[in-house]
Amino acid sequence: MNIHYTANGVNGTLPIASAYLLYATAEDMAELVTITHWQAQPHEIPPEVTVIHLRNVDGVDLGKFDVRHKMHRVYTATAQNAAG
């Protein structure tokens, strides 16, 4: 499935597994689209707010979202200890 969106007026498409829609909120999708949009443009500095319009998600227009950027684009993973 594809999410068709605009990010600050720029059209984009994000391919995503259909199962994601079962658990994701519209806000989750707007955040994911924003991350993907700015990762594809590494030489640009994201503004404090990116306006995302989820134009077509499984045939539905989910509306517009203000996605705020408060920190630098840093992603850090930490392994979790297994519960014993």
N, C-alpha and C. Protein backbone atom coordinates (compact mmCIF):
# COMPACT_ATOMS: atom_id res chain seq x y z
N MET A 1 0.84 -1.17 0.00
CA MET A 1 0.00 0.00 0.00
C MET A 1 0.89 1.24 0.00
N ASN A 2 0.36 2.34 -0.49
CA ASN A 2 1.09 3.60 -0.53
C ASN A 2 0.33 4.67 0.24
N ILE A 3 1.08 5.48 0.96
CA ILE A 3 0.53 6.69 1.57
C ILE A 3 0.91 7.84 0.66
N HIS A 4 -0.08 8.54 0.14
CA HIS A 4 0.15 9.71 -0.72
C HIS A 4 -0.02 10.93 0.16
N TYR A 5 0.98 11.80 0.14
CA TYR A 5 1.00 12.92 1.07
C TYR A 5 1.63 14.15 0.42
N THR A 6 1.49 15.27 1.09
CA THR A 6 2.31 16.44 0.78
C THR A 6 2.99 16.85 2.08
N ALA A 7 4.23 17.29 1.95
CA ALA A 7 5.01 17.80 3.08
C ALA A 7 5.41 19.23 2.71
N ASN A 8 4.81 20.19 3.38
CA ASN A 8 5.03 21.61 3.05
C ASN A 8 4.79 21.86 1.57
N GLY A 9 3.75 21.22 1.02
CA GLY A 9 3.36 21.42 -0.37
C GLY A 9 4.07 20.55 -1.39
N VAL A 10 5.04 19.75 -0.95
CA VAL A 10 5.78 18.87 -1.86
C VAL A 10 5.13 17.49 -1.84
N ASN A 11 4.72 16.99 -3.02
CA ASN A 11 4.08 15.69 -3.11
C ASN A 11 5.06 14.56 -2.84
N GLY A 12 4.55 13.51 -2.21
CA GLY A 12 5.36 12.34 -1.97
C GLY A 12 4.50 11.11 -1.80
N THR A 13 5.15 9.96 -1.88
CA THR A 13 4.48 8.67 -1.69
C THR A 13 5.37 7.82 -0.81
N LEU A 14 4.76 7.18 0.17
CA LEU A 14 5.50 6.30 1.06
C LEU A 14 4.88 4.90 0.98
N PRO A 15 5.62 3.92 0.43
CA PRO A 15 5.11 2.55 0.44
C PRO A 15 5.19 1.99 1.86
N ILE A 16 4.14 1.32 2.27
CA ILE A 16 4.09 0.82 3.65
C ILE A 16 3.25 -0.47 3.68
N ALA A 17 3.55 -1.33 4.61
CA ALA A 17 2.80 -2.57 4.77
C ALA A 17 1.37 -2.26 5.23
N SER A 18 0.41 -2.92 4.63
CA SER A 18 -1.00 -2.70 4.98
C SER A 18 -1.27 -2.97 6.45
N ALA A 19 -0.57 -3.90 7.04
CA ALA A 19 -0.78 -4.24 8.45
C ALA A 19 -0.49 -3.05 9.37
N TYR A 20 0.37 -2.14 8.93
CA TYR A 20 0.70 -0.96 9.75
C TYR A 20 -0.55 -0.15 10.05
N LEU A 21 -1.49 -0.12 9.11
CA LEU A 21 -2.71 0.67 9.30
C LEU A 21 -3.58 0.15 10.43
N LEU A 22 -3.42 -1.11 10.78
CA LEU A 22 -4.22 -1.68 11.86
C LEU A 22 -3.85 -1.09 13.21
N TYR A 23 -2.61 -0.63 13.35
CA TYR A 23 -2.12 -0.18 14.65
C TYR A 23 -1.76 1.30 14.71
N ALA A 24 -1.48 1.90 13.57
CA ALA A 24 -1.01 3.27 13.54
C ALA A 24 -2.17 4.27 13.59
N THR A 25 -1.95 5.34 14.31
CA THR A 25 -2.90 6.44 14.29
C THR A 25 -2.53 7.36 13.11
N ALA A 26 -3.40 8.27 12.79
CA ALA A 26 -3.10 9.24 11.74
C ALA A 26 -1.88 10.06 12.13
N GLU A 27 -1.74 10.38 13.40
CA GLU A 27 -0.58 11.13 13.88
C GLU A 27 0.70 10.33 13.70
N ASP A 28 0.64 9.02 13.97
CA ASP A 28 1.81 8.15 13.74
C ASP A 28 2.24 8.20 12.28
N MET A 29 1.26 8.13 11.39
CA MET A 29 1.58 8.16 9.96
C MET A 29 2.17 9.51 9.55
N ALA A 30 1.63 10.60 10.10
CA ALA A 30 2.16 11.93 9.79
C ALA A 30 3.61 12.05 10.25
N GLU A 31 3.93 11.52 11.43
CA GLU A 31 5.30 11.55 11.92
C GLU A 31 6.22 10.71 11.05
N LEU A 32 5.77 9.52 10.66
CA LEU A 32 6.58 8.64 9.82
C LEU A 32 6.85 9.28 8.45
N VAL A 33 5.84 9.88 7.88
CA VAL A 33 5.98 10.56 6.59
C VAL A 33 6.98 11.72 6.72
N THR A 34 6.91 12.46 7.81
CA THR A 34 7.82 13.58 8.03
C THR A 34 9.27 13.10 8.11
N ILE A 35 9.50 12.05 8.86
CA ILE A 35 10.85 11.49 8.99
C ILE A 35 11.36 11.07 7.61
N THR A 36 10.53 10.35 6.87
CA THR A 36 10.92 9.87 5.54
C THR A 36 11.19 11.04 4.60
N HIS A 37 10.34 12.05 4.64
CA HIS A 37 10.50 13.22 3.78
C HIS A 37 11.84 13.90 4.03
N TRP A 38 12.18 14.16 5.28
CA TRP A 38 13.42 14.88 5.59
C TRP A 38 14.66 14.01 5.43
N GLN A 39 14.54 12.70 5.60
CA GLN A 39 15.68 11.82 5.34
C GLN A 39 16.03 11.82 3.85
N ALA A 40 15.04 12.01 3.01
CA ALA A 40 15.28 12.04 1.56
C ALA A 40 15.90 13.37 1.11
N GLN A 41 15.95 14.34 2.02
CA GLN A 41 16.51 15.66 1.71
C GLN A 41 17.56 16.03 2.76
N PRO A 42 18.65 15.28 2.83
CA PRO A 42 19.62 15.46 3.92
C PRO A 42 20.35 16.80 3.92
N HIS A 43 20.35 17.51 2.80
CA HIS A 43 21.07 18.78 2.74
C HIS A 43 20.20 19.98 3.09
N GLU A 44 18.93 19.72 3.40
CA GLU A 44 18.03 20.79 3.81
C GLU A 44 17.81 20.71 5.32
N ILE A 45 17.60 21.85 5.92
CA ILE A 45 17.33 21.91 7.35
C ILE A 45 15.82 21.96 7.55
N PRO A 46 15.26 21.00 8.28
CA PRO A 46 13.81 21.00 8.48
C PRO A 46 13.38 22.22 9.30
N PRO A 47 12.23 22.80 8.96
CA PRO A 47 11.70 23.89 9.76
C PRO A 47 11.17 23.36 11.09
N GLU A 48 10.84 24.25 11.98
CA GLU A 48 10.29 23.82 13.27
C GLU A 48 8.99 23.05 13.09
N VAL A 49 8.18 23.44 12.10
CA VAL A 49 6.92 22.76 11.84
C VAL A 49 6.86 22.36 10.36
N THR A 50 6.55 21.09 10.12
CA THR A 50 6.30 20.60 8.77
C THR A 50 4.81 20.32 8.67
N VAL A 51 4.16 20.89 7.67
CA VAL A 51 2.73 20.64 7.46
C VAL A 51 2.59 19.42 6.55
N ILE A 52 1.97 18.39 7.09
CA ILE A 52 1.76 17.14 6.37
C ILE A 52 0.28 16.99 6.05
N HIS A 53 0.00 16.72 4.79
CA HIS A 53 -1.37 16.41 4.38
C HIS A 53 -1.39 14.96 3.92
N LEU A 54 -2.05 14.11 4.67
CA LEU A 54 -2.19 12.70 4.30
C LEU A 54 -3.36 12.62 3.33
N ARG A 55 -3.05 12.83 2.05
CA ARG A 55 -4.07 12.98 1.00
C ARG A 55 -4.82 11.70 0.69
N ASN A 56 -4.10 10.56 0.74
CA ASN A 56 -4.74 9.31 0.37
C ASN A 56 -4.07 8.17 1.12
N VAL A 57 -4.77 7.68 2.12
CA VAL A 57 -4.32 6.52 2.89
C VAL A 57 -5.42 5.48 2.78
N ASP A 58 -5.19 4.48 1.97
CA ASP A 58 -6.19 3.44 1.71
C ASP A 58 -7.50 4.06 1.23
N GLY A 59 -7.38 5.08 0.35
CA GLY A 59 -8.55 5.71 -0.23
C GLY A 59 -9.19 6.80 0.62
N VAL A 60 -8.59 7.14 1.75
CA VAL A 60 -9.17 8.13 2.66
C VAL A 60 -8.23 9.31 2.84
N ASP A 61 -8.78 10.52 2.79
CA ASP A 61 -8.02 11.75 3.08
C ASP A 61 -8.07 11.93 4.60
N LEU A 62 -6.92 11.79 5.26
CA LEU A 62 -6.88 11.90 6.72
C LEU A 62 -6.62 13.32 7.22
N GLY A 63 -6.48 14.27 6.30
CA GLY A 63 -6.35 15.66 6.70
C GLY A 63 -4.92 16.12 6.85
N LYS A 64 -4.80 17.33 7.45
CA LYS A 64 -3.49 17.98 7.62
C LYS A 64 -3.05 17.93 9.07
N PHE A 65 -1.71 17.87 9.24
CA PHE A 65 -1.11 17.77 10.56
C PHE A 65 0.09 18.70 10.65
N ASP A 66 0.26 19.34 11.77
CA ASP A 66 1.48 20.09 12.06
C ASP A 66 2.41 19.14 12.81
N VAL A 67 3.54 18.83 12.21
CA VAL A 67 4.51 17.93 12.84
C VAL A 67 5.69 18.79 13.27
N ARG A 68 5.92 18.86 14.56
CA ARG A 68 6.95 19.72 15.13
C ARG A 68 8.30 19.03 15.22
N HIS A 69 9.32 19.81 14.97
CA HIS A 69 10.71 19.34 15.02
C HIS A 69 11.38 20.11 16.14
N LYS A 70 11.73 19.41 17.20
CA LYS A 70 12.30 20.10 18.35
C LYS A 70 13.77 19.79 18.57
N MET A 71 14.26 18.76 17.94
CA MET A 71 15.65 18.38 18.15
C MET A 71 16.30 18.09 16.81
N HIS A 72 17.59 17.89 16.83
CA HIS A 72 18.29 17.48 15.62
C HIS A 72 17.84 16.08 15.24
N ARG A 73 18.02 15.74 13.98
CA ARG A 73 17.63 14.41 13.51
C ARG A 73 18.65 13.39 13.97
N VAL A 74 18.48 12.91 15.19
CA VAL A 74 19.36 11.91 15.75
C VAL A 74 18.51 10.73 16.16
N TYR A 75 18.88 9.55 15.69
CA TYR A 75 18.15 8.34 16.01
C TYR A 75 19.08 7.39 16.73
N THR A 76 18.69 6.97 17.93
CA THR A 76 19.53 6.13 18.75
C THR A 76 18.75 4.90 19.21
N ALA A 77 19.27 3.73 18.95
CA ALA A 77 18.63 2.48 19.39
C ALA A 77 19.42 1.89 20.54
N THR A 78 18.69 1.38 21.51
CA THR A 78 19.30 0.70 22.65
C THR A 78 18.61 -0.64 22.84
N ALA A 79 19.38 -1.70 22.90
CA ALA A 79 18.79 -3.03 23.10
C ALA A 79 18.17 -3.11 24.47
N GLN A 80 17.02 -3.75 24.55
CA GLN A 80 16.34 -3.93 25.82
C GLN A 80 16.76 -5.26 26.43
N ASN A 81 16.88 -5.27 27.74
CA ASN A 81 17.19 -6.54 28.42
C ASN A 81 15.92 -7.37 28.50
N ALA A 82 16.08 -8.67 28.30
CA ALA A 82 14.93 -9.57 28.39
C ALA A 82 14.46 -9.65 29.84
N ALA A 83 13.14 -9.60 30.03
CA ALA A 83 12.57 -9.71 31.39
C ALA A 83 12.78 -11.12 31.90
N GLY A 84 13.22 -11.22 33.12
CA GLY A 84 13.53 -12.55 33.65
C GLY A 84 12.69 -12.99 34.68
